[in-house]
Amino acid sequence: MSAPLLEVENLRIAFRGANGLPVEVVRGLSFALGRERLGIVGESGSGKSMTGRALLRLVPRPGEVAADRLRFDGIDLLALPERRMRRLRGARISMVMQDPKFSLNPVMTVGEQIGEALRGQGRLSRREVGSRVRAMLESVRIHDPDRVARLYPHEISGGMGQRVMIAMMLIPEPDLLIADEPTSALDVSVQRQVLGLIDDLVRRRGMGLILISHDLDLVASYCDRILVMRGGEAVEECRADALGEAKHPYTRALLAAVPRLDETRDELPVLERRS
């Protein structure tokens, strides 16, 4: 059996509170990932996004990250010098942030920004960069890539902005893609289309995927496994196709809180909060 692409053991992320004492937002999280699709779900504040940022060592100061093991393809991420970590980000591990369109640089064209993601991959001519940018835009189903490459972020729609960010993250052909609520600002029909693009590219390129979301049904449709987080901890892990059979009370409560088209309940259940 091949070694996992990503190994996370006892990951802890803490910030100093007003009293100077550490407050942990991720507490002892452990999981492994191969070249497969893992969904991480849970409420806001459960530690999902912080987990994704920790994998890229992007937790903002004064955040503190510790783990017994945090390895990517055999590389100790916590011990890696920052210069080598910068070469790893984007090239081998990419992350699509929440509301990705607003992560685009407003004073650079779409083509310039996607091409910039190719830096560090050897000396490529302008023609080679332009050709790869055009091909990447076509792969995310932008049908007029040359015109779109000349546009600025404010000139494209939300759905196209999502595609551009996905193209930017995938053009270096990373081994791992972390997608943090990549469709949160889109309507349902566009959500499915954008996730379909990610799923197709991940399958064809044999990548690992971590899809972070609040939407259990959506994650279950696109992932192989699901990790459920609450209060910074993993409370349950299951196969995506067995989500409906989840046993943990918190997971059952999340499922019960999802409205259905054939809804007959007068009120949706409300999750109880910890004190």
C-alpha atoms as a PDB file:
ATOM      1  CA  MET A   1       0.000   0.000   0.000  1.00  0.00           C
ATOM      2  CA  SER A   2       1.438   3.407  -0.998  1.00  0.00           C
ATOM      3  CA  ALA A   3       2.152   6.062   1.613  1.00  0.00           C
ATOM      4  CA  PRO A   4      -0.485   8.798   2.081  1.00  0.00           C
ATOM      5  CA  LEU A   5      -0.024  12.037   0.169  1.00  0.00           C
ATOM      6  CA  LEU A   6      -0.813  14.003   3.354  1.00  0.00           C
ATOM      7  CA  GLU A   7      -0.466  12.980   6.998  1.00  0.00           C
ATOM      8  CA  VAL A   8      -1.901  15.114   9.817  1.00  0.00           C
ATOM      9  CA  GLU A   9      -1.492  13.929  13.393  1.00  0.00           C
ATOM     10  CA  ASN A  10      -2.592  15.843  16.508  1.00  0.00           C
ATOM     11  CA  LEU A  11      -2.811  19.227  14.754  1.00  0.00           C
ATOM     12  CA  ARG A  12      -3.384  22.116  17.156  1.00  0.00           C
ATOM     13  CA  ILE A  13      -3.952  25.776  16.285  1.00  0.00           C
ATOM     14  CA  ALA A  14      -4.183  28.394  19.024  1.00  0.00           C
ATOM     15  CA  PHE A  15      -4.510  32.166  19.417  1.00  0.00           C
ATOM     16  CA  ARG A  16      -3.807  34.171  22.539  1.00  0.00           C
ATOM     17  CA  GLY A  17      -6.941  35.430  24.279  1.00  0.00           C
ATOM     18  CA  ALA A  18      -7.444  38.755  26.051  1.00  0.00           C
ATOM     19  CA  ASN A  19      -5.990  37.240  29.218  1.00  0.00           C
ATOM     20  CA  GLY A  20      -2.873  36.114  27.382  1.00  0.00           C
ATOM     21  CA  LEU A  21      -3.767  32.429  27.591  1.00  0.00           C
ATOM     22  CA  PRO A  22      -3.947  30.298  24.415  1.00  0.00           C
ATOM     23  CA  VAL A  23      -7.396  29.549  22.972  1.00  0.00           C
ATOM     24  CA  GLU A  24      -7.352  26.497  20.714  1.00  0.00           C
ATOM     25  CA  VAL A  25      -9.432  26.702  17.538  1.00  0.00           C
ATOM     26  CA  VAL A  26      -8.237  23.285  16.289  1.00  0.00           C
ATOM     27  CA  ARG A  27      -7.644  20.640  18.936  1.00  0.00           C
ATOM     28  CA  GLY A  28      -5.857  17.387  18.209  1.00  0.00           C
ATOM     29  CA  LEU A  29      -7.034  16.876  14.624  1.00  0.00           C
ATOM     30  CA  SER A  30      -5.705  13.782  12.827  1.00  0.00           C
ATOM     31  CA  PHE A  31      -6.384  12.429   9.332  1.00  0.00           C
ATOM     32  CA  ALA A  32      -4.582  11.112   6.261  1.00  0.00           C
ATOM     33  CA  LEU A  33      -5.241  11.763   2.582  1.00  0.00           C
ATOM     34  CA  GLY A  34      -4.249   9.854  -0.529  1.00  0.00           C
ATOM     35  CA  ARG A  35      -4.943  10.883  -4.113  1.00  0.00           C
ATOM     36  CA  GLU A  36      -8.640  11.020  -3.294  1.00  0.00           C
ATOM     37  CA  ARG A  37     -11.349  13.533  -2.418  1.00  0.00           C
ATOM     38  CA  LEU A  38     -11.921  14.388   1.249  1.00  0.00           C
ATOM     39  CA  GLY A  39     -14.724  16.663   2.392  1.00  0.00           C
ATOM     40  CA  ILE A  40     -14.417  18.583   5.668  1.00  0.00           C
ATOM     41  CA  VAL A  41     -17.751  19.834   6.974  1.00  0.00           C
ATOM     42  CA  GLY A  42     -19.035  21.597  10.062  1.00  0.00           C
ATOM     43  CA  GLU A  43     -20.471  24.869  11.282  1.00  0.00           C
ATOM     44  CA  SER A  44     -18.719  28.239  11.051  1.00  0.00           C
ATOM     45  CA  GLY A  45     -15.997  28.344  13.673  1.00  0.00           C
ATOM     46  CA  SER A  46     -15.432  24.596  13.707  1.00  0.00           C
ATOM     47  CA  GLY A  47     -11.842  24.993  12.475  1.00  0.00           C
ATOM     48  CA  LYS A  48     -12.247  23.910   8.846  1.00  0.00           C
ATOM     49  CA  SER A  49     -10.625  26.914   7.170  1.00  0.00           C
ATOM     50  CA  MET A  50      -7.871  27.163   9.769  1.00  0.00           C
ATOM     51  CA  THR A  51      -6.999  23.544   9.076  1.00  0.00           C
ATOM     52  CA  GLY A  52      -6.618  24.295   5.373  1.00  0.00           C
ATOM     53  CA  ARG A  53      -4.469  27.352   6.081  1.00  0.00           C
ATOM     54  CA  ALA A  54      -2.280  25.397   8.509  1.00  0.00           C
ATOM     55  CA  LEU A  55      -1.399  22.918   5.752  1.00  0.00           C
ATOM     56  CA  LEU A  56       0.087  25.813   3.774  1.00  0.00           C
ATOM     57  CA  ARG A  57       1.537  27.508   6.880  1.00  0.00           C
ATOM     58  CA  LEU A  58      -0.715  30.504   6.274  1.00  0.00           C
ATOM     59  CA  VAL A  59      -2.251  30.810   9.748  1.00  0.00           C
ATOM     60  CA  PRO A  60      -1.926  34.536  10.521  1.00  0.00           C
ATOM     61  CA  ARG A  61       0.008  35.754  13.506  1.00  0.00           C
ATOM     62  CA  PRO A  62      -0.346  35.587  16.453  1.00  0.00           C
ATOM     63  CA  GLY A  63      -1.677  32.120  15.636  1.00  0.00           C
ATOM     64  CA  GLU A  64       0.416  29.179  16.816  1.00  0.00           C
ATOM     65  CA  VAL A  65       0.466  25.846  14.955  1.00  0.00           C
ATOM     66  CA  ALA A  66       1.779  22.584  16.390  1.00  0.00           C
ATOM     67  CA  ALA A  67       1.433  18.949  15.374  1.00  0.00           C
ATOM     68  CA  ASP A  68       2.997  15.595  16.111  1.00  0.00           C
ATOM     69  CA  ARG A  69       3.120  15.093  12.347  1.00  0.00           C
ATOM     70  CA  LEU A  70       2.334  17.344   9.410  1.00  0.00           C
ATOM     71  CA  ARG A  71       3.809  15.723   6.321  1.00  0.00           C
ATOM     72  CA  PHE A  72       3.129  16.177   2.620  1.00  0.00           C
ATOM     73  CA  ASP A  73       4.567  13.556   0.278  1.00  0.00           C
ATOM     74  CA  GLY A  74       7.135  12.701   2.940  1.00  0.00           C
ATOM     75  CA  ILE A  75       8.080  16.363   3.569  1.00  0.00           C
ATOM     76  CA  ASP A  76       7.864  17.692   7.133  1.00  0.00           C
ATOM     77  CA  LEU A  77       5.890  20.903   6.579  1.00  0.00           C
ATOM     78  CA  LEU A  78       6.549  22.315  10.046  1.00  0.00           C
ATOM     79  CA  ALA A  79      10.325  21.917   9.740  1.00  0.00           C
ATOM     80  CA  LEU A  80      10.560  23.190   6.148  1.00  0.00           C
ATOM     81  CA  PRO A  81      12.436  26.521   5.758  1.00  0.00           C
ATOM     82  CA  GLU A  82      10.174  29.348   4.570  1.00  0.00           C
ATOM     83  CA  ARG A  83      11.993  29.679   1.244  1.00  0.00           C
ATOM     84  CA  ARG A  84      11.303  26.033   0.395  1.00  0.00           C
ATOM     85  CA  MET A  85       7.736  26.362   1.696  1.00  0.00           C
ATOM     86  CA  ARG A  86       7.119  29.229  -0.726  1.00  0.00           C
ATOM     87  CA  ARG A  87       8.228  26.993  -3.595  1.00  0.00           C
ATOM     88  CA  LEU A  88       5.813  24.299  -2.401  1.00  0.00           C
ATOM     89  CA  ARG A  89       2.786  26.604  -2.177  1.00  0.00           C
ATOM     90  CA  GLY A  90       0.968  26.848  -5.448  1.00  0.00           C
ATOM     91  CA  ALA A  91       3.382  24.540  -7.258  1.00  0.00           C
ATOM     92  CA  ARG A  92       2.443  21.359  -5.349  1.00  0.00           C
ATOM     93  CA  ILE A  93      -0.266  22.474  -2.905  1.00  0.00           C
ATOM     94  CA  SER A  94      -2.857  25.017  -4.049  1.00  0.00           C
ATOM     95  CA  MET A  95      -5.752  26.569  -2.162  1.00  0.00           C
ATOM     96  CA  VAL A  96      -8.886  28.219  -3.512  1.00  0.00           C
ATOM     97  CA  MET A  97      -9.969  30.666  -0.797  1.00  0.00           C
ATOM     98  CA  GLN A  98     -13.517  31.604   0.164  1.00  0.00           C
ATOM     99  CA  ASP A  99     -15.128  34.030  -2.346  1.00  0.00           C
ATOM    100  CA  PRO A 100     -12.156  33.499  -4.677  1.00  0.00           C
ATOM    101  CA  LYS A 101     -13.051  36.287  -7.084  1.00  0.00           C
ATOM    102  CA  PHE A 102     -12.193  38.794  -4.374  1.00  0.00           C
ATOM    103  CA  SER A 103      -8.738  37.230  -4.005  1.00  0.00           C
ATOM    104  CA  LEU A 104      -7.831  38.389  -7.518  1.00  0.00           C
ATOM    105  CA  ASN A 105      -5.546  41.405  -7.950  1.00  0.00           C
ATOM    106  CA  PRO A 106      -7.759  44.242  -9.287  1.00  0.00           C
ATOM    107  CA  VAL A 107      -4.917  45.913 -11.246  1.00  0.00           C
ATOM    108  CA  MET A 108      -3.729  42.829 -13.143  1.00  0.00           C
ATOM    109  CA  THR A 109      -5.483  41.194 -16.062  1.00  0.00           C
ATOM    110  CA  VAL A 110      -6.801  37.661 -15.769  1.00  0.00           C
ATOM    111  CA  GLY A 111      -4.114  36.335 -18.103  1.00  0.00           C
ATOM    112  CA  GLU A 112      -1.301  38.046 -16.173  1.00  0.00           C
ATOM    113  CA  GLN A 113      -2.481  36.576 -12.888  1.00  0.00           C
ATOM    114  CA  ILE A 114      -2.846  33.035 -14.168  1.00  0.00           C
ATOM    115  CA  GLY A 115       0.534  33.286 -15.906  1.00  0.00           C
ATOM    116  CA  GLU A 116       2.144  34.525 -12.685  1.00  0.00           C
ATOM    117  CA  ALA A 117       1.244  31.187 -11.077  1.00  0.00           C
ATOM    118  CA  LEU A 118       3.713  29.526 -13.483  1.00  0.00           C
ATOM    119  CA  ARG A 119       6.709  31.346 -12.031  1.00  0.00           C
ATOM    120  CA  GLY A 120       9.289  29.024 -10.560  1.00  0.00           C
ATOM    121  CA  GLN A 121       8.562  26.289 -13.111  1.00  0.00           C
ATOM    122  CA  GLY A 122      11.592  26.991 -15.223  1.00  0.00           C
ATOM    123  CA  ARG A 123      12.134  29.664 -17.830  1.00  0.00           C
ATOM    124  CA  LEU A 124       9.089  29.785 -20.058  1.00  0.00           C
ATOM    125  CA  SER A 125       8.765  32.146 -23.001  1.00  0.00           C
ATOM    126  CA  ARG A 126       5.836  34.574 -23.177  1.00  0.00           C
ATOM    127  CA  ARG A 127       4.393  32.464 -25.979  1.00  0.00           C
ATOM    128  CA  GLU A 128       4.604  29.292 -23.875  1.00  0.00           C
ATOM    129  CA  VAL A 129       2.988  31.014 -20.883  1.00  0.00           C
ATOM    130  CA  GLY A 130       0.226  32.445 -23.083  1.00  0.00           C
ATOM    131  CA  SER A 131      -0.429  29.035 -24.630  1.00  0.00           C
ATOM    132  CA  ARG A 132      -0.724  27.346 -21.232  1.00  0.00           C
ATOM    133  CA  VAL A 133      -2.969  30.115 -19.884  1.00  0.00           C
ATOM    134  CA  ARG A 134      -5.252  29.766 -22.923  1.00  0.00           C
ATOM    135  CA  ALA A 135      -5.409  25.975 -22.518  1.00  0.00           C
ATOM    136  CA  MET A 136      -6.144  26.276 -18.782  1.00  0.00           C
ATOM    137  CA  LEU A 137      -8.975  28.740 -19.364  1.00  0.00           C
ATOM    138  CA  GLU A 138     -10.443  26.378 -21.939  1.00  0.00           C
ATOM    139  CA  SER A 139     -10.178  23.480 -19.464  1.00  0.00           C
ATOM    140  CA  VAL A 140     -12.411  25.385 -17.014  1.00  0.00           C
ATOM    141  CA  ARG A 141     -14.863  25.918 -19.869  1.00  0.00           C
ATOM    142  CA  ILE A 142     -14.258  29.556 -20.652  1.00  0.00           C
ATOM    143  CA  HIS A 143     -15.122  29.632 -24.327  1.00  0.00           C
ATOM    144  CA  ASP A 144     -13.380  32.863 -25.370  1.00  0.00           C
ATOM    145  CA  PRO A 145     -10.063  32.515 -23.493  1.00  0.00           C
ATOM    146  CA  ASP A 146      -8.108  35.162 -25.401  1.00  0.00           C
ATOM    147  CA  ARG A 147     -10.703  37.855 -24.686  1.00  0.00           C
ATOM    148  CA  VAL A 148     -11.133  36.843 -21.036  1.00  0.00           C
ATOM    149  CA  ALA A 149      -7.357  36.807 -20.494  1.00  0.00           C
ATOM    150  CA  ARG A 150      -7.294  40.525 -21.375  1.00  0.00           C
ATOM    151  CA  LEU A 151     -10.028  41.451 -18.877  1.00  0.00           C
ATOM    152  CA  TYR A 152      -9.637  42.780 -15.335  1.00  0.00           C
ATOM    153  CA  PRO A 153     -11.408  41.118 -12.368  1.00  0.00           C
ATOM    154  CA  HIS A 154     -14.125  43.804 -12.188  1.00  0.00           C
ATOM    155  CA  GLU A 155     -15.055  43.039 -15.801  1.00  0.00           C
ATOM    156  CA  ILE A 156     -15.971  39.386 -15.224  1.00  0.00           C
ATOM    157  CA  SER A 157     -18.952  37.760 -13.543  1.00  0.00           C
ATOM    158  CA  GLY A 158     -18.880  35.917 -10.223  1.00  0.00           C
ATOM    159  CA  GLY A 159     -19.082  32.519 -11.897  1.00  0.00           C
ATOM    160  CA  MET A 160     -16.294  33.381 -14.321  1.00  0.00           C
ATOM    161  CA  GLY A 161     -14.213  34.720 -11.421  1.00  0.00           C
ATOM    162  CA  GLN A 162     -14.536  31.343  -9.721  1.00  0.00           C
ATOM    163  CA  ARG A 163     -13.340  29.618 -12.873  1.00  0.00           C
ATOM    164  CA  VAL A 164     -10.394  31.989 -13.183  1.00  0.00           C
ATOM    165  CA  MET A 165      -9.277  31.269  -9.614  1.00  0.00           C
ATOM    166  CA  ILE A 166      -9.592  27.532 -10.198  1.00  0.00           C
ATOM    167  CA  ALA A 167      -7.511  27.914 -13.372  1.00  0.00           C
ATOM    168  CA  MET A 168      -4.881  29.879 -11.437  1.00  0.00           C
ATOM    169  CA  MET A 169      -4.650  27.230  -8.725  1.00  0.00           C
ATOM    170  CA  LEU A 170      -4.542  24.306 -11.173  1.00  0.00           C
ATOM    171  CA  ILE A 171      -2.184  25.611 -13.858  1.00  0.00           C
ATOM    172  CA  PRO A 172       0.957  24.598 -11.881  1.00  0.00           C
ATOM    173  CA  GLU A 173      -0.539  21.054 -11.797  1.00  0.00           C
ATOM    174  CA  PRO A 174      -0.396  20.653  -7.987  1.00  0.00           C
ATOM    175  CA  ASP A 175      -0.611  17.311  -6.237  1.00  0.00           C
ATOM    176  CA  LEU A 176      -3.102  18.638  -3.655  1.00  0.00           C
ATOM    177  CA  LEU A 177      -5.931  21.150  -4.054  1.00  0.00           C
ATOM    178  CA  ILE A 178      -7.614  22.651  -0.991  1.00  0.00           C
ATOM    179  CA  ALA A 179     -10.941  24.249  -1.938  1.00  0.00           C
ATOM    180  CA  ASP A 180     -12.398  26.367   0.888  1.00  0.00           C
ATOM    181  CA  GLU A 181     -16.061  27.116   0.169  1.00  0.00           C
ATOM    182  CA  PRO A 182     -15.128  27.774  -3.488  1.00  0.00           C
ATOM    183  CA  THR A 183     -18.751  28.302  -4.554  1.00  0.00           C
ATOM    184  CA  SER A 184     -20.190  30.065  -1.489  1.00  0.00           C
ATOM    185  CA  ALA A 185     -21.149  33.234  -3.386  1.00  0.00           C
ATOM    186  CA  LEU A 186     -22.786  31.447  -6.335  1.00  0.00           C
ATOM    187  CA  ASP A 187     -26.319  30.286  -6.978  1.00  0.00           C
ATOM    188  CA  VAL A 188     -27.079  26.564  -6.901  1.00  0.00           C
ATOM    189  CA  SER A 189     -26.871  25.911 -10.643  1.00  0.00           C
ATOM    190  CA  VAL A 190     -23.485  27.637 -10.957  1.00  0.00           C
ATOM    191  CA  GLN A 191     -22.248  25.904  -7.770  1.00  0.00           C
ATOM    192  CA  ARG A 192     -22.792  22.506  -9.330  1.00  0.00           C
ATOM    193  CA  GLN A 193     -21.126  23.557 -12.559  1.00  0.00           C
ATOM    194  CA  VAL A 194     -18.002  24.919 -10.842  1.00  0.00           C
ATOM    195  CA  LEU A 195     -17.705  21.873  -8.563  1.00  0.00           C
ATOM    196  CA  GLY A 196     -18.112  19.654 -11.586  1.00  0.00           C
ATOM    197  CA  LEU A 197     -15.112  21.421 -13.155  1.00  0.00           C
ATOM    198  CA  ILE A 198     -13.005  20.845 -10.043  1.00  0.00           C
ATOM    199  CA  ASP A 199     -14.084  17.217  -9.822  1.00  0.00           C
ATOM    200  CA  ASP A 200     -13.301  16.563 -13.478  1.00  0.00           C
ATOM    201  CA  LEU A 201      -9.837  18.125 -13.256  1.00  0.00           C
ATOM    202  CA  VAL A 202      -8.995  16.327  -9.991  1.00  0.00           C
ATOM    203  CA  ARG A 203      -9.988  12.956 -11.466  1.00  0.00           C
ATOM    204  CA  ARG A 204      -8.115  13.463 -14.729  1.00  0.00           C
ATOM    205  CA  ARG A 205      -4.923  14.663 -13.049  1.00  0.00           C
ATOM    206  CA  GLY A 206      -4.939  12.161 -10.172  1.00  0.00           C
ATOM    207  CA  MET A 207      -4.767  14.872  -7.516  1.00  0.00           C
ATOM    208  CA  GLY A 208      -5.736  14.892  -3.861  1.00  0.00           C
ATOM    209  CA  LEU A 209      -8.658  17.193  -2.964  1.00  0.00           C
ATOM    210  CA  ILE A 210      -9.801  18.676   0.336  1.00  0.00           C
ATOM    211  CA  LEU A 211     -13.206  20.297  -0.118  1.00  0.00           C
ATOM    212  CA  ILE A 212     -14.246  22.489   2.829  1.00  0.00           C
ATOM    213  CA  SER A 213     -17.944  23.337   3.056  1.00  0.00           C
ATOM    214  CA  HIS A 214     -21.043  23.773   5.198  1.00  0.00           C
ATOM    215  CA  ASP A 215     -23.159  21.868   2.677  1.00  0.00           C
ATOM    216  CA  LEU A 216     -23.278  18.170   3.577  1.00  0.00           C
ATOM    217  CA  ASP A 217     -25.286  17.076   0.557  1.00  0.00           C
ATOM    218  CA  LEU A 218     -23.011  18.903  -1.854  1.00  0.00           C
ATOM    219  CA  VAL A 219     -19.831  17.470  -0.299  1.00  0.00           C
ATOM    220  CA  ALA A 220     -21.320  13.974  -0.261  1.00  0.00           C
ATOM    221  CA  SER A 221     -21.892  14.281  -4.022  1.00  0.00           C
ATOM    222  CA  TYR A 222     -18.270  15.126  -4.868  1.00  0.00           C
ATOM    223  CA  CYS A 223     -16.093  13.405  -2.252  1.00  0.00           C
ATOM    224  CA  ASP A 224     -14.978   9.893  -1.338  1.00  0.00           C
ATOM    225  CA  ARG A 225     -14.790  10.483   2.425  1.00  0.00           C
ATOM    226  CA  ILE A 226     -16.188  13.056   4.834  1.00  0.00           C
ATOM    227  CA  LEU A 227     -14.633  14.410   8.029  1.00  0.00           C
ATOM    228  CA  VAL A 228     -17.070  16.164  10.378  1.00  0.00           C
ATOM    229  CA  MET A 229     -15.639  18.876  12.648  1.00  0.00           C
ATOM    230  CA  ARG A 230     -17.107  20.558  15.700  1.00  0.00           C
ATOM    231  CA  GLY A 231     -15.378  22.997  18.016  1.00  0.00           C
ATOM    232  CA  GLY A 232     -11.977  22.347  16.497  1.00  0.00           C
ATOM    233  CA  GLU A 233     -12.222  18.568  16.751  1.00  0.00           C
ATOM    234  CA  ALA A 234     -13.085  15.728  14.379  1.00  0.00           C
ATOM    235  CA  VAL A 235     -16.200  14.033  15.722  1.00  0.00           C
ATOM    236  CA  GLU A 236     -16.795  11.551  12.900  1.00  0.00           C
ATOM    237  CA  GLU A 237     -15.322  10.260   9.647  1.00  0.00           C
ATOM    238  CA  CYS A 238     -17.251   8.187   7.136  1.00  0.00           C
ATOM    239  CA  ARG A 239     -17.544   7.266   3.470  1.00  0.00           C
ATOM    240  CA  ALA A 240     -19.394   9.931   1.538  1.00  0.00           C
ATOM    241  CA  ASP A 241     -21.935   7.418   0.238  1.00  0.00           C
ATOM    242  CA  ALA A 242     -22.653   6.348   3.835  1.00  0.00           C
ATOM    243  CA  LEU A 243     -23.262   9.847   5.228  1.00  0.00           C
ATOM    244  CA  GLY A 244     -26.935   9.086   5.770  1.00  0.00           C
ATOM    245  CA  GLU A 245     -25.879   6.282   8.121  1.00  0.00           C
ATOM    246  CA  ALA A 246     -23.652   8.514  10.300  1.00  0.00           C
ATOM    247  CA  LYS A 247     -23.846   7.672  14.005  1.00  0.00           C
ATOM    248  CA  HIS A 248     -22.528  10.694  15.897  1.00  0.00           C
ATOM    249  CA  PRO A 249     -25.304  12.887  17.387  1.00  0.00           C
ATOM    250  CA  TYR A 250     -23.722  16.060  15.989  1.00  0.00           C
ATOM    251  CA  THR A 251     -23.580  14.660  12.447  1.00  0.00           C
ATOM    252  CA  ARG A 252     -27.167  13.430  12.810  1.00  0.00           C
ATOM    253  CA  ALA A 253     -28.181  16.920  13.973  1.00  0.00           C
ATOM    254  CA  LEU A 254     -26.481  18.543  10.973  1.00  0.00           C
ATOM    255  CA  LEU A 255     -28.310  16.186   8.627  1.00  0.00           C
ATOM    256  CA  ALA A 256     -31.624  16.833  10.366  1.00  0.00           C
ATOM    257  CA  ALA A 257     -31.168  20.596  10.004  1.00  0.00           C
ATOM    258  CA  VAL A 258     -30.960  20.384   6.189  1.00  0.00           C
ATOM    259  CA  PRO A 259     -34.264  21.484   4.566  1.00  0.00           C
ATOM    260  CA  ARG A 260     -35.750  19.192   1.914  1.00  0.00           C
ATOM    261  CA  LEU A 261     -37.850  19.906  -1.159  1.00  0.00           C
ATOM    262  CA  ASP A 262     -40.595  17.671   0.234  1.00  0.00           C
ATOM    263  CA  GLU A 263     -40.330  19.264   3.700  1.00  0.00           C
ATOM    264  CA  THR A 264     -43.267  18.483   6.018  1.00  0.00           C
ATOM    265  CA  ARG A 265     -41.843  19.727   9.330  1.00  0.00           C
ATOM    266  CA  ASP A 266     -43.170  23.004  10.716  1.00  0.00           C
ATOM    267  CA  GLU A 267     -39.750  23.884  12.148  1.00  0.00           C
ATOM    268  CA  LEU A 268     -36.226  22.736  11.394  1.00  0.00           C
ATOM    269  CA  PRO A 269     -34.282  21.418  14.395  1.00  0.00           C
ATOM    270  CA  VAL A 270     -31.727  23.758  15.935  1.00  0.00           C
ATOM    271  CA  LEU A 271     -28.296  22.574  17.039  1.00  0.00           C
ATOM    272  CA  GLU A 272     -27.581  22.870  20.725  1.00  0.00           C
ATOM    273  CA  ARG A 273     -24.567  25.039  21.570  1.00  0.00           C
ATOM    274  CA  ARG A 274     -21.863  24.133  24.005  1.00  0.00           C
ATOM    275  CA  SER A 275     -21.469  26.479  26.921  1.00  0.00           C
END
